[in-house]
Amino acid sequence: MPGRQVNHHDAALMVPTHHPPESESESEESWLWAKIKAEAHRDAESEPALASFLYATVLSHPSLARSLAFHLANKLCSSTLLSNLLYDLFLHSLSSSPSLISAVVADLVAAHQRDPACASYSHCLLNYKGFLAVQAHRVSHLLWTQSRRPLALALQSRIADVFAVDIHPAARIGKGILLDHATGVVVGETAVIGNNVSILHHVTLGGTGKAVGDRHPKIGDGVLIGAGATILGNIRIGEGAKIGAGSVVLIDVPPRTTAVGNPARLVGGKGKPSRHEDLPSESMDHTSFIQEWLAFRSLRAIDRLHLVTSHGKLSAHHCFPRDFSMEKRPGESSLIHPTAIVYDNVLLGQSGAVVGADLSDLVY
């Protein structure tokens, strides 16, 4: 039976806009829960097919903790790990540890503020598997610290199966965390992730082999880690640093700097890396470093050209950045062999200018 017609403008007015709590008695948790329920009520009226789902997961519950416990229990249950058992486990953990529910609120706010695709807080609560995986991990970590390790590991396994996110129960994670898309994220046993960190899909915080002890990365507050990045070993990624997509990081990264490449290097050079003022985990700016990175590599290429030409002609296997050129100096022979026209995706002009190059071939 079709639901009654809803004026979407009026329905939107039912949902309060985001603002800080107006009084000490109104906690951010209670304000956010009121907003989530208003959003769920609006969505149930506008889309009757979701009404039963929204009632069961949100509207029938008196608190955010109960709603989240119910939803996680139904997501992670199996034929042998029953939903009633998981509901009691999640609810007890969230209710007995105020820091957990505080982190839940911070994670919801982080997703809504940083991800333009996050339509509402209720959408994040119900549908964002990165958010749900982190909240389930918080409970598994609590179990680990309580020496309930078999159950913690069983829960980790279910989280990996259901959400495709594999976080060891011993890993420590701060609050205000965004796992954007989340698929393929792997976090090792001794890894530490600070507050207000944003991590994209297919990121690995791993070890370097079969070493034991403290062997995983330490991620500072405000760090942004791009999609597909791999960070290995007991290294530190400083506060507010940025890791470019697809990078393989094996070195410490100082605060407020950017590391890119495989193996990763610091933009601006190791001696004096470029620094940014913004907090990349909040701005979610993945590409601001590119022009500066290309300029840095061009300078390194010039240095290499000077070194090579001091010993004779430059042959085709030397690669330099696109649009880089150097005229021969008076009294010098041609810098580039005149027969070197195309070599390994590098286009060389007969006059000796480098017309274009594959940047991946540069030595930096």
Protein backbone atom coordinates (compact mmCIF):
# COMPACT_ATOMS: atom_id res chain seq x y z
CA MET A 1 0.00 0.00 0.00
CA PRO A 2 1.58 3.32 -1.02
CA GLY A 3 2.54 5.69 1.76
CA ARG A 4 1.05 9.13 2.12
CA GLN A 5 2.50 11.96 0.07
CA VAL A 6 5.19 13.94 1.86
CA ASN A 7 6.23 17.50 1.14
CA HIS A 8 9.99 17.05 0.95
CA HIS A 9 10.65 20.68 1.82
CA ASP A 10 8.61 20.34 5.00
CA ALA A 11 10.25 17.00 5.77
CA ALA A 12 13.69 18.56 5.47
CA LEU A 13 12.67 21.18 8.02
CA MET A 14 12.09 18.37 10.52
CA VAL A 15 15.81 17.58 10.53
CA PRO A 16 17.87 20.05 12.58
CA THR A 17 20.99 21.50 11.00
CA HIS A 18 24.34 20.68 12.55
CA HIS A 19 25.48 22.94 15.34
CA PRO A 20 27.34 22.52 18.63
CA PRO A 21 25.26 21.64 21.70
CA GLU A 22 23.46 24.76 22.94
CA SER A 23 23.83 23.94 26.62
CA GLU A 24 25.87 21.73 28.88
CA SER A 25 22.83 19.52 29.47
CA GLU A 26 22.51 18.82 25.75
CA SER A 27 25.42 16.55 24.92
CA GLU A 28 26.60 16.10 21.37
CA GLU A 29 25.53 12.47 21.58
CA SER A 30 21.91 13.29 22.45
CA TRP A 31 21.75 16.03 19.82
CA LEU A 32 23.18 13.72 17.17
CA TRP A 33 20.82 10.91 18.12
CA ALA A 34 17.84 13.27 17.79
CA LYS A 35 19.08 14.27 14.36
CA ILE A 36 19.54 10.65 13.25
CA LYS A 37 16.01 9.77 14.36
CA ALA A 38 14.61 12.80 12.53
CA GLU A 39 16.46 11.78 9.37
CA ALA A 40 15.23 8.20 9.66
CA HIS A 41 11.66 9.38 10.18
CA ARG A 42 11.91 11.61 7.10
CA ASP A 43 13.34 8.78 4.99
CA ALA A 44 10.72 6.29 6.18
CA GLU A 45 7.97 8.63 5.08
CA SER A 46 9.53 9.44 1.72
CA GLU A 47 10.50 5.82 0.95
CA PRO A 48 7.96 3.33 2.37
CA ALA A 49 10.07 0.36 1.21
CA LEU A 50 12.61 1.27 3.91
CA ALA A 51 10.09 2.00 6.66
CA SER A 52 10.35 -1.40 8.39
CA PHE A 53 14.15 -1.41 8.16
CA LEU A 54 14.44 2.11 9.57
CA TYR A 55 12.00 1.32 12.38
CA ALA A 56 13.91 -1.81 13.37
CA THR A 57 17.37 -0.25 13.24
CA VAL A 58 16.74 3.33 14.41
CA LEU A 59 13.25 4.46 15.29
CA SER A 60 12.45 1.67 17.77
CA HIS A 61 15.56 2.34 19.90
CA PRO A 62 15.89 4.84 22.75
CA SER A 63 19.61 5.60 22.24
CA LEU A 64 22.44 5.63 19.75
CA ALA A 65 24.22 2.85 21.64
CA ARG A 66 21.23 0.50 21.38
CA SER A 67 20.68 1.28 17.71
CA LEU A 68 24.33 0.68 16.83
CA ALA A 69 24.51 -2.50 18.92
CA PHE A 70 21.42 -3.88 17.19
CA HIS A 71 22.67 -3.00 13.71
CA LEU A 72 26.18 -4.41 14.24
CA ALA A 73 24.80 -7.60 15.78
CA ASN A 74 22.61 -8.25 12.76
CA LYS A 75 25.41 -7.41 10.33
CA LEU A 76 28.01 -9.65 11.99
CA CYS A 77 25.98 -12.58 13.24
CA SER A 78 26.37 -16.06 11.78
CA SER A 79 24.88 -19.49 12.31
CA THR A 80 27.29 -20.02 15.22
CA LEU A 81 27.81 -16.43 16.41
CA LEU A 82 24.25 -15.50 17.26
CA SER A 83 22.79 -12.02 16.98
CA ASN A 84 21.46 -12.02 20.56
CA LEU A 85 24.92 -12.78 21.93
CA LEU A 86 26.50 -10.05 19.79
CA TYR A 87 23.81 -7.51 20.70
CA ASP A 88 24.44 -8.03 24.42
CA LEU A 89 28.20 -7.84 23.83
CA PHE A 90 28.05 -4.61 21.82
CA LEU A 91 25.51 -2.94 24.08
CA HIS A 92 27.44 -3.77 27.26
CA SER A 93 30.69 -2.51 25.74
CA LEU A 94 29.17 0.76 24.49
CA SER A 95 27.24 1.37 27.70
CA SER A 96 30.11 0.60 30.08
CA SER A 97 32.77 2.63 28.24
CA PRO A 98 31.90 6.32 27.72
CA SER A 99 34.99 6.74 25.54
CA LEU A 100 33.56 4.28 23.02
CA ILE A 101 30.32 6.15 22.44
CA SER A 102 32.27 9.43 22.32
CA ALA A 103 34.39 7.93 19.54
CA VAL A 104 31.25 6.77 17.71
CA VAL A 105 29.93 10.33 17.70
CA ALA A 106 33.28 11.74 16.52
CA ASP A 107 33.46 9.17 13.70
CA LEU A 108 29.93 10.01 12.53
CA VAL A 109 30.73 13.72 12.48
CA ALA A 110 34.02 13.06 10.65
CA ALA A 111 32.33 11.07 7.88
CA HIS A 112 29.60 13.64 7.41
CA GLN A 113 32.01 16.59 7.29
CA ARG A 114 34.75 15.06 5.12
CA ASP A 115 32.86 12.88 2.64
CA PRO A 116 30.68 14.83 0.19
CA ALA A 117 28.86 11.59 -0.64
CA CYS A 118 27.64 11.22 2.96
CA ALA A 119 24.04 12.31 2.58
CA SER A 120 23.15 12.18 6.28
CA TYR A 121 24.25 10.90 9.67
CA SER A 122 21.71 8.10 9.50
CA HIS A 123 23.10 7.06 6.11
CA CYS A 124 26.57 6.76 7.65
CA LEU A 125 25.28 4.88 10.70
CA LEU A 126 23.40 2.34 8.60
CA ASN A 127 25.35 2.01 5.37
CA TYR A 128 29.00 3.04 5.73
CA LYS A 129 30.94 -0.16 6.17
CA GLY A 130 34.12 1.74 7.07
CA PHE A 131 32.32 3.37 9.98
CA LEU A 132 30.73 0.09 11.07
CA ALA A 133 34.03 -1.81 10.83
CA VAL A 134 35.77 0.74 13.06
CA GLN A 135 33.01 0.60 15.69
CA ALA A 136 33.08 -3.20 15.74
CA HIS A 137 36.87 -3.04 16.04
CA ARG A 138 36.56 -0.77 19.07
CA VAL A 139 34.60 -3.52 20.81
CA SER A 140 37.08 -6.23 19.74
CA HIS A 141 39.93 -4.06 21.05
CA LEU A 142 38.13 -3.68 24.39
CA LEU A 143 37.79 -7.46 24.56
CA TRP A 144 41.51 -7.82 23.77
CA THR A 145 42.45 -5.50 26.64
CA GLN A 146 40.19 -7.52 28.94
CA SER A 147 42.11 -10.71 28.02
CA ARG A 148 39.08 -12.11 26.16
CA ARG A 149 41.30 -12.73 23.17
CA PRO A 150 39.62 -15.73 21.54
CA LEU A 151 36.35 -13.77 21.28
CA ALA A 152 38.22 -10.66 20.08
CA LEU A 153 39.86 -12.67 17.30
CA ALA A 154 36.57 -14.33 16.35
CA LEU A 155 35.00 -10.88 16.06
CA GLN A 156 37.93 -9.66 13.95
CA SER A 157 37.36 -12.55 11.58
CA ARG A 158 33.68 -11.70 11.17
CA ILE A 159 34.49 -8.02 10.59
CA ALA A 160 36.93 -9.02 7.83
CA ASP A 161 34.38 -11.38 6.26
CA VAL A 162 31.49 -8.92 6.29
CA PHE A 163 33.15 -5.54 5.75
CA ALA A 164 36.42 -6.52 3.96
CA VAL A 165 38.34 -4.57 6.60
CA ASP A 166 40.98 -6.46 8.59
CA ILE A 167 42.09 -4.72 11.80
CA HIS A 168 43.89 -6.70 14.48
CA PRO A 169 42.12 -6.40 17.86
CA ALA A 170 45.33 -5.15 19.50
CA ALA A 171 45.66 -2.17 17.13
CA ARG A 172 44.91 1.15 18.79
CA ILE A 173 42.70 3.63 16.98
CA GLY A 174 41.79 7.18 18.01
CA LYS A 175 38.53 9.00 17.33
CA GLY A 176 37.30 11.11 14.43
CA ILE A 177 38.36 8.33 12.03
CA LEU A 178 37.18 8.13 8.43
CA LEU A 179 37.69 4.91 6.48
CA ASP A 180 36.49 6.15 3.11
CA HIS A 181 35.17 3.24 0.97
CA ALA A 182 37.21 1.02 3.33
CA THR A 183 37.49 -2.11 1.17
CA GLY A 184 40.85 -3.82 1.62
CA VAL A 185 42.09 -1.82 4.61
CA VAL A 186 44.56 -3.87 6.68
CA VAL A 187 45.91 -2.72 10.08
CA GLY A 188 48.51 -4.79 11.92
CA GLU A 189 48.70 -5.80 15.56
CA THR A 190 51.04 -3.09 16.90
CA ALA A 191 49.79 -0.27 14.67
CA VAL A 192 48.59 2.96 16.28
CA ILE A 193 46.27 5.44 14.55
CA GLY A 194 45.82 8.87 16.11
CA ASN A 195 42.79 11.16 16.17
CA ASN A 196 41.11 12.74 13.12
CA VAL A 197 42.79 10.47 10.58
CA SER A 198 41.36 9.79 7.11
CA ILE A 199 42.25 6.54 5.33
CA LEU A 200 41.06 5.45 1.91
CA HIS A 201 40.50 1.97 0.52
CA HIS A 202 43.22 -0.68 0.06
CA VAL A 203 45.57 0.89 2.58
CA THR A 204 47.94 -1.42 4.47
CA LEU A 205 49.60 -0.61 7.78
CA GLY A 206 51.80 -3.68 7.92
CA GLY A 207 55.04 -5.21 9.09
CA THR A 208 58.16 -5.95 7.08
CA GLY A 209 58.33 -9.70 7.56
CA LYS A 210 58.26 -12.22 10.38
CA ALA A 211 59.71 -9.92 13.04
CA VAL A 212 57.96 -9.95 16.42
CA GLY A 213 57.35 -7.14 18.87
CA ASP A 214 56.52 -3.56 17.94
CA ARG A 215 56.62 -3.80 14.15
CA HIS A 216 53.82 -1.72 12.65
CA PRO A 217 53.38 1.97 11.72
CA LYS A 218 52.40 4.75 14.09
CA ILE A 219 50.06 7.26 12.44
CA GLY A 220 49.86 10.74 13.98
CA ASP A 221 46.81 12.96 14.38
CA GLY A 222 45.33 14.57 11.28
CA VAL A 223 47.05 12.31 8.72
CA LEU A 224 45.57 11.60 5.27
CA ILE A 225 46.50 8.27 3.64
CA GLY A 226 45.57 7.94 -0.04
CA ALA A 227 44.04 4.93 -1.73
CA GLY A 228 46.29 1.91 -2.17
CA ALA A 229 49.10 3.25 0.01
CA THR A 230 51.28 0.73 1.85
CA ILE A 231 53.12 1.75 5.02
CA LEU A 232 55.45 -0.89 6.40
CA GLY A 233 57.43 -1.30 9.58
CA ASN A 234 57.68 0.47 12.91
CA ILE A 235 57.87 3.94 11.38
CA ARG A 236 56.18 7.19 12.29
CA ILE A 237 53.91 9.26 10.10
CA GLY A 238 53.94 12.68 11.72
CA GLU A 239 50.97 14.82 12.67
CA GLY A 240 49.19 16.33 9.68
CA ALA A 241 51.26 14.42 7.11
CA LYS A 242 49.92 13.30 3.74
CA ILE A 243 50.65 9.98 2.02
CA GLY A 244 49.97 9.94 -1.72
CA ALA A 245 47.82 7.25 -3.30
CA GLY A 246 49.72 4.10 -4.23
CA SER A 247 52.83 5.05 -2.26
CA VAL A 248 55.02 2.50 -0.50
CA VAL A 249 56.36 4.16 2.64
CA LEU A 250 59.36 2.67 4.41
CA ILE A 251 60.70 5.80 6.15
CA ASP A 252 59.53 8.20 8.85
CA VAL A 253 57.47 11.07 7.47
CA PRO A 254 57.86 14.37 9.38
CA PRO A 255 54.79 16.33 10.50
CA ARG A 256 52.98 18.44 7.90
CA THR A 257 54.90 16.96 4.96
CA THR A 258 53.91 14.84 1.97
CA ALA A 259 55.36 11.49 0.92
CA VAL A 260 54.67 10.00 -2.52
CA GLY A 261 56.04 7.33 -4.81
CA ASN A 262 57.37 3.79 -4.68
CA PRO A 263 59.50 3.85 -2.67
CA ALA A 264 58.05 7.01 -1.17
CA ARG A 265 60.08 10.22 -1.05
CA LEU A 266 59.34 13.53 0.64
CA VAL A 267 58.07 16.32 -1.58
CA GLY A 268 60.73 19.02 -1.57
CA GLY A 269 63.52 16.61 -0.70
CA LYS A 270 64.70 14.91 2.45
CA GLY A 271 66.87 17.82 3.56
CA LYS A 272 64.16 20.48 3.40
CA PRO A 273 60.75 18.91 2.71
CA SER A 274 57.87 21.16 1.80
CA ARG A 275 55.37 21.76 4.59
CA HIS A 276 51.67 22.51 4.47
CA GLU A 277 49.56 24.41 6.99
CA ASP A 278 46.20 22.75 6.47
CA LEU A 279 45.15 19.50 8.10
CA PRO A 280 44.92 17.08 5.15
CA SER A 281 42.64 14.60 6.91
CA GLU A 282 40.01 17.32 7.09
CA SER A 283 40.59 19.06 3.76
CA MET A 284 40.82 15.65 1.99
CA ASP A 285 43.05 17.31 -0.63
CA HIS A 286 44.88 14.49 -2.41
CA THR A 287 46.51 16.41 -5.26
CA SER A 288 47.82 19.77 -4.01
CA PHE A 289 51.39 18.45 -3.97
CA ILE A 290 51.57 17.41 -7.63
CA GLN A 291 52.90 20.63 -9.20
CA GLU A 292 55.49 21.05 -6.49
CA TRP A 293 56.50 17.39 -6.81
CA LEU A 294 57.00 17.74 -10.57
CA ALA A 295 59.04 20.91 -10.05
CA PHE A 296 61.21 19.13 -7.49
CA ARG A 297 61.83 16.21 -9.82
CA SER A 298 62.67 18.61 -12.65
CA LEU A 299 65.38 20.21 -10.54
CA ARG A 300 66.79 16.79 -9.73
CA ALA A 301 66.72 15.96 -13.44
CA ILE A 302 68.68 19.13 -14.23
CA ASP A 303 71.29 18.16 -11.66
CA ARG A 304 71.56 14.75 -13.29
CA LEU A 305 71.83 16.29 -16.77
CA HIS A 306 74.72 18.48 -15.65
CA LEU A 307 76.44 15.43 -14.17
CA VAL A 308 75.99 13.35 -17.33
CA THR A 309 77.00 16.08 -19.77
CA SER A 310 80.15 16.77 -17.80
CA HIS A 311 81.30 13.31 -18.93
CA GLY A 312 80.18 13.45 -22.55
CA LYS A 313 77.07 13.17 -24.67
CA LEU A 314 73.65 12.34 -23.29
CA SER A 315 72.25 9.16 -24.76
CA ALA A 316 68.65 8.02 -25.12
CA HIS A 317 68.40 6.09 -21.88
CA HIS A 318 68.52 9.28 -19.78
CA CYS A 319 65.00 10.41 -18.96
CA PHE A 320 63.82 13.87 -17.93
CA PRO A 321 60.45 15.48 -17.15
CA ARG A 322 57.95 16.51 -19.76
CA ASP A 323 58.50 20.03 -21.19
CA PHE A 324 62.06 20.08 -19.83
CA SER A 325 64.67 21.26 -22.33
CA MET A 326 68.21 22.57 -22.33
CA GLU A 327 69.96 24.32 -25.19
CA LYS A 328 73.54 23.42 -25.88
CA ARG A 329 76.03 25.95 -24.67
CA PRO A 330 78.49 27.75 -26.98
CA GLY A 331 81.47 25.57 -27.74
CA GLU A 332 79.77 22.36 -26.53
CA SER A 333 78.88 19.40 -28.64
CA SER A 334 75.26 18.25 -28.89
CA LEU A 335 73.91 17.19 -25.49
CA ILE A 336 71.79 14.37 -26.92
CA HIS A 337 72.80 11.92 -29.57
CA PRO A 338 71.06 13.01 -32.81
CA THR A 339 69.82 9.49 -33.57
CA ALA A 340 68.01 9.18 -30.23
CA ILE A 341 64.45 9.95 -31.28
CA VAL A 342 62.19 7.58 -29.30
CA TYR A 343 63.32 5.28 -26.54
CA ASP A 344 61.23 3.55 -23.87
CA ASN A 345 58.30 5.95 -24.19
CA VAL A 346 60.66 8.96 -24.20
CA LEU A 347 60.42 11.38 -27.12
CA LEU A 348 63.66 13.21 -27.90
CA GLY A 349 63.99 15.99 -30.46
CA GLN A 350 66.82 15.85 -32.99
CA SER A 351 67.98 19.28 -31.83
CA GLY A 352 68.80 17.81 -28.48
CA ALA A 353 65.73 19.03 -26.54
CA VAL A 354 63.75 16.56 -24.46
CA VAL A 355 60.17 16.85 -25.73
CA GLY A 356 58.56 14.44 -23.29
CA ALA A 357 59.29 11.62 -20.89
CA ASP A 358 57.75 8.96 -18.76
CA LEU A 359 58.03 10.49 -15.28
CA SER A 360 58.18 7.06 -13.67
CA ASP A 361 61.66 6.58 -15.17
CA LEU A 362 63.15 9.54 -13.32
CA VAL A 363 65.79 9.01 -10.67
CA TYR A 364 65.09 11.22 -7.65
